[in-house]
C-alpha atoms as a PDB file:
ATOM      1  CA  UNK A   1     -82.939 170.106 114.072  1.00  0.00           C
ATOM      2  CA  UNK A   2     -82.723 166.654 113.214  1.00  0.00           C
ATOM      3  CA  UNK A   3     -82.135 164.778 109.584  1.00  0.00           C
ATOM      4  CA  UNK A   4     -84.877 162.742 108.328  1.00  0.00           C
ATOM      5  CA  UNK A   5     -83.553 159.546 106.973  1.00  0.00           C
ATOM      6  CA  UNK A   6     -82.892 159.056 103.875  1.00  0.00           C
ATOM      7  CA  UNK A   7     -83.965 156.405 101.485  1.00  0.00           C
ATOM      8  CA  UNK A   8     -81.793 154.653 100.629  1.00  0.00           C
ATOM      9  CA  UNK A   9     -80.537 154.624 104.735  1.00  0.00           C
ATOM     10  CA  UNK A  10     -84.100 152.975 105.237  1.00  0.00           C
ATOM     11  CA  UNK A  11     -83.805 149.921 102.808  1.00  0.00           C
ATOM     12  CA  UNK A  12     -81.509 147.267 104.269  1.00  0.00           C
ATOM     13  CA  UNK A  13     -78.703 146.497 102.526  1.00  0.00           C
ATOM     14  CA  UNK A  14     -79.261 143.103 102.082  1.00  0.00           C
ATOM     15  CA  UNK A  15     -81.516 144.224  99.611  1.00  0.00           C
ATOM     16  CA  UNK A  16     -79.341 146.312  97.702  1.00  0.00           C
ATOM     17  CA  UNK A  17     -77.116 143.627  97.493  1.00  0.00           C
ATOM     18  CA  UNK A  18     -79.727 141.768  96.093  1.00  0.00           C
ATOM     19  CA  UNK A  19     -81.128 143.930  93.452  1.00  0.00           C
ATOM     20  CA  UNK A  20     -77.831 144.904  92.351  1.00  0.00           C
ATOM     21  CA  UNK A  21     -76.354 141.541  91.534  1.00  0.00           C
ATOM     22  CA  UNK A  22     -79.700 140.733  90.252  1.00  0.00           C
ATOM     23  CA  UNK A  23     -79.255 143.413  87.723  1.00  0.00           C
ATOM     24  CA  UNK A  24     -75.297 142.219  87.341  1.00  0.00           C
ATOM     25  CA  UNK A  25     -76.801 138.392  86.648  1.00  0.00           C
ATOM     26  CA  UNK A  26     -79.030 140.198  83.925  1.00  0.00           C
ATOM     27  CA  UNK A  27     -76.525 142.297  82.258  1.00  0.00           C
ATOM     28  CA  UNK A  28     -73.687 139.538  82.432  1.00  0.00           C
ATOM     29  CA  UNK A  29     -76.349 136.902  80.351  1.00  0.00           C
ATOM     30  CA  UNK A  30     -77.261 139.340  78.035  1.00  0.00           C
ATOM     31  CA  UNK A  31     -72.882 140.432  77.714  1.00  0.00           C
ATOM     32  CA  UNK A  32     -72.530 136.342  77.115  1.00  0.00           C
ATOM     33  CA  UNK A  33     -75.588 136.093  74.499  1.00  0.00           C
ATOM     34  CA  UNK A  34     -74.260 139.158  73.067  1.00  0.00           C
ATOM     35  CA  UNK A  35     -70.710 137.720  72.455  1.00  0.00           C
ATOM     36  CA  UNK A  36     -72.244 134.778  71.590  1.00  0.00           C
ATOM     37  CA  UNK A  37     -73.736 136.506  68.640  1.00  0.00           C
ATOM     38  CA  UNK A  38     -70.844 138.848  67.536  1.00  0.00           C
ATOM     39  CA  UNK A  39     -68.483 136.775  68.043  1.00  0.00           C
ATOM     40  CA  UNK A  40     -67.545 133.302  66.592  1.00  0.00           C
ATOM     41  CA  UNK A  41     -64.716 131.086  67.768  1.00  0.00           C
ATOM     42  CA  UNK A  42     -62.290 130.792  70.953  1.00  0.00           C
ATOM     43  CA  UNK A  43     -63.594 134.451  71.073  1.00  0.00           C
ATOM     44  CA  UNK A  44     -67.059 133.729  72.322  1.00  0.00           C
ATOM     45  CA  UNK A  45     -65.459 130.911  74.155  1.00  0.00           C
ATOM     46  CA  UNK A  46     -63.414 131.731  75.930  1.00  0.00           C
ATOM     47  CA  UNK A  47     -65.260 135.351  76.835  1.00  0.00           C
ATOM     48  CA  UNK A  48     -68.314 132.277  77.680  1.00  0.00           C
ATOM     49  CA  UNK A  49     -66.098 131.158  80.230  1.00  0.00           C
ATOM     50  CA  UNK A  50     -65.151 134.141  82.124  1.00  0.00           C
ATOM     51  CA  UNK A  51     -68.707 135.434  82.108  1.00  0.00           C
ATOM     52  CA  UNK A  52     -70.100 131.731  83.456  1.00  0.00           C
ATOM     53  CA  UNK A  53     -67.641 132.164  86.724  1.00  0.00           C
ATOM     54  CA  UNK A  54     -68.563 136.117  86.926  1.00  0.00           C
ATOM     55  CA  UNK A  55     -72.438 134.580  86.976  1.00  0.00           C
ATOM     56  CA  UNK A  56     -71.824 132.068  89.792  1.00  0.00           C
ATOM     57  CA  UNK A  57     -69.954 134.960  91.390  1.00  0.00           C
ATOM     58  CA  UNK A  58     -73.336 137.234  91.772  1.00  0.00           C
ATOM     59  CA  UNK A  59     -75.167 134.341  92.100  1.00  0.00           C
ATOM     60  CA  UNK A  60     -73.170 133.662  95.817  1.00  0.00           C
ATOM     61  CA  UNK A  61     -73.689 137.172  95.912  1.00  0.00           C
ATOM     62  CA  UNK A  62     -77.499 136.988  96.012  1.00  0.00           C
ATOM     63  CA  UNK A  63     -77.923 133.602  98.320  1.00  0.00           C
ATOM     64  CA  UNK A  64     -75.122 135.119 100.841  1.00  0.00           C
ATOM     65  CA  UNK A  65     -75.383 139.167 100.175  1.00  0.00           C
ATOM     66  CA  UNK A  66     -72.438 139.786 102.916  1.00  0.00           C
ATOM     67  CA  UNK A  67     -70.413 137.664 101.673  1.00  0.00           C
ATOM     68  CA  UNK A  68     -67.446 139.309 100.633  1.00  0.00           C
ATOM     69  CA  UNK A  69     -65.422 139.398  97.483  1.00  0.00           C
ATOM     70  CA  UNK A  70     -62.978 137.335  97.823  1.00  0.00           C
ATOM     71  CA  UNK A  71     -64.926 134.434  98.968  1.00  0.00           C
ATOM     72  CA  UNK A  72     -67.477 135.337  96.385  1.00  0.00           C
ATOM     73  CA  UNK A  73     -64.655 134.961  93.881  1.00  0.00           C
ATOM     74  CA  UNK A  74     -62.891 131.805  95.269  1.00  0.00           C
ATOM     75  CA  UNK A  75     -66.595 129.911  95.633  1.00  0.00           C
ATOM     76  CA  UNK A  76     -67.080 131.394  91.977  1.00  0.00           C
ATOM     77  CA  UNK A  77     -63.819 129.693  90.593  1.00  0.00           C
ATOM     78  CA  UNK A  78     -64.138 126.603  92.470  1.00  0.00           C
ATOM     79  CA  UNK A  79     -67.601 125.538  91.065  1.00  0.00           C
ATOM     80  CA  UNK A  80     -66.389 126.006  87.447  1.00  0.00           C
ATOM     81  CA  UNK A  81     -63.106 124.357  87.803  1.00  0.00           C
ATOM     82  CA  UNK A  82     -65.493 120.723  89.368  1.00  0.00           C
ATOM     83  CA  UNK A  83     -67.707 121.877  86.419  1.00  0.00           C
ATOM     84  CA  UNK A  84     -65.099 121.349  84.315  1.00  0.00           C
ATOM     85  CA  UNK A  85     -62.865 118.580  85.699  1.00  0.00           C
ATOM     86  CA  UNK A  86     -66.616 117.248  85.896  1.00  0.00           C
ATOM     87  CA  UNK A  87     -66.720 117.268  82.492  1.00  0.00           C
ATOM     88  CA  UNK A  88     -63.516 114.298  82.938  1.00  0.00           C
ATOM     89  CA  UNK A  89     -66.214 111.300  84.146  1.00  0.00           C
ATOM     90  CA  UNK A  90     -68.366 111.025  81.202  1.00  0.00           C
ATOM     91  CA  UNK A  91     -71.383 112.559  83.792  1.00  0.00           C
ATOM     92  CA  UNK A  92     -72.138 116.046  82.250  1.00  0.00           C
ATOM     93  CA  UNK A  93     -72.187 114.551  78.268  1.00  0.00           C
ATOM     94  CA  UNK A  94     -74.342 111.911  79.495  1.00  0.00           C
ATOM     95  CA  UNK A  95     -76.834 114.475  81.215  1.00  0.00           C
ATOM     96  CA  UNK A  96     -76.342 117.373  78.262  1.00  0.00           C
ATOM     97  CA  UNK A  97     -77.949 114.297  75.647  1.00  0.00           C
ATOM     98  CA  UNK A  98     -80.503 114.226  78.095  1.00  0.00           C
ATOM     99  CA  UNK A  99     -80.941 118.182  78.227  1.00  0.00           C
ATOM    100  CA  UNK A 100     -80.920 121.442  77.221  1.00  0.00           C
ATOM    101  CA  UNK A 101     -80.159 122.952  80.615  1.00  0.00           C
ATOM    102  CA  UNK A 102     -77.357 120.165  81.944  1.00  0.00           C
ATOM    103  CA  UNK A 103     -75.399 121.303  78.492  1.00  0.00           C
ATOM    104  CA  UNK A 104     -75.353 124.735  79.151  1.00  0.00           C
ATOM    105  CA  UNK A 105     -74.095 124.854  82.989  1.00  0.00           C
ATOM    106  CA  UNK A 106     -72.333 121.524  83.088  1.00  0.00           C
ATOM    107  CA  UNK A 107     -71.179 121.755  79.322  1.00  0.00           C
ATOM    108  CA  UNK A 108     -69.748 118.391  77.996  1.00  0.00           C
ATOM    109  CA  UNK A 109     -65.641 118.100  77.182  1.00  0.00           C
ATOM    110  CA  UNK A 110     -63.418 118.723  79.374  1.00  0.00           C
ATOM    111  CA  UNK A 111     -61.135 121.657  77.615  1.00  0.00           C
ATOM    112  CA  UNK A 112     -57.736 122.668  79.889  1.00  0.00           C
ATOM    113  CA  UNK A 113     -57.956 126.206  78.807  1.00  0.00           C
ATOM    114  CA  UNK A 114     -61.140 126.873  80.932  1.00  0.00           C
ATOM    115  CA  UNK A 115     -59.220 126.453  83.682  1.00  0.00           C
ATOM    116  CA  UNK A 116     -57.502 129.518  82.835  1.00  0.00           C
ATOM    117  CA  UNK A 117     -60.652 131.161  81.578  1.00  0.00           C
ATOM    118  CA  UNK A 118     -62.508 130.555  84.484  1.00  0.00           C
ATOM    119  CA  UNK A 119     -59.863 132.322  86.801  1.00  0.00           C
ATOM    120  CA  UNK A 120     -60.053 135.480  84.432  1.00  0.00           C
ATOM    121  CA  UNK A 121     -63.432 135.880  84.836  1.00  0.00           C
ATOM    122  CA  UNK A 122     -63.299 134.773  88.760  1.00  0.00           C
ATOM    123  CA  UNK A 123     -60.368 138.024  88.947  1.00  0.00           C
ATOM    124  CA  UNK A 124     -62.718 140.123  86.906  1.00  0.00           C
ATOM    125  CA  UNK A 125     -65.443 139.257  89.212  1.00  0.00           C
ATOM    126  CA  UNK A 126     -63.372 140.682  92.031  1.00  0.00           C
ATOM    127  CA  UNK A 127     -62.190 143.096  90.705  1.00  0.00           C
ATOM    128  CA  UNK A 128     -66.308 144.455  89.987  1.00  0.00           C
ATOM    129  CA  UNK A 129     -67.069 143.543  93.301  1.00  0.00           C
ATOM    130  CA  UNK A 130     -64.772 145.477  95.318  1.00  0.00           C
ATOM    131  CA  UNK A 131     -65.092 148.486  93.350  1.00  0.00           C
ATOM    132  CA  UNK A 132     -69.231 148.621  93.059  1.00  0.00           C
ATOM    133  CA  UNK A 133     -67.948 148.117  97.320  1.00  0.00           C
ATOM    134  CA  UNK A 134     -66.359 150.630  97.626  1.00  0.00           C
ATOM    135  CA  UNK A 135     -68.096 153.428  95.353  1.00  0.00           C
ATOM    136  CA  UNK A 136     -71.594 151.934  97.423  1.00  0.00           C
ATOM    137  CA  UNK A 137     -69.683 152.994 100.412  1.00  0.00           C
ATOM    138  CA  UNK A 138     -68.518 156.395  99.635  1.00  0.00           C
ATOM    139  CA  UNK A 139     -70.682 159.606 101.301  1.00  0.00           C
ATOM    140  CA  UNK A 140     -72.653 161.182  98.410  1.00  0.00           C
ATOM    141  CA  UNK A 141     -73.798 164.935  98.436  1.00  0.00           C
ATOM    142  CA  UNK A 142     -77.057 166.330  97.550  1.00  0.00           C
ATOM    143  CA  UNK A 143     -76.500 168.416  94.385  1.00  0.00           C
END
């Protein structure tokens, strides 16, 4: 007797990865807004830095669903560091004066500790992505 393919196997892997990453992006943005609403000072700032890099990791995964998690984390960290280092030029600060979106994405002032917190975010994103991929590869039995 031949088994029918499960609905899970009928959905392309890339679609599942993109949908999961999309949901993770919404949760990450909500977490960032929640931290800003409930915490202040350095806690909110540095949690926001880590979540910024986490969101970039997620967006890399949405754009390239076959990307390996260490590569996605490396790209996210490199982009975060590039944005922070660009703040040394003053260009992001100038753009931030003209656009709220530019201020949110590019920031305005260089802050060296941010570099560390971006690495924390990349590490957490890597760990979460690794765990999710291991969990999704584990065969499930029907109950």
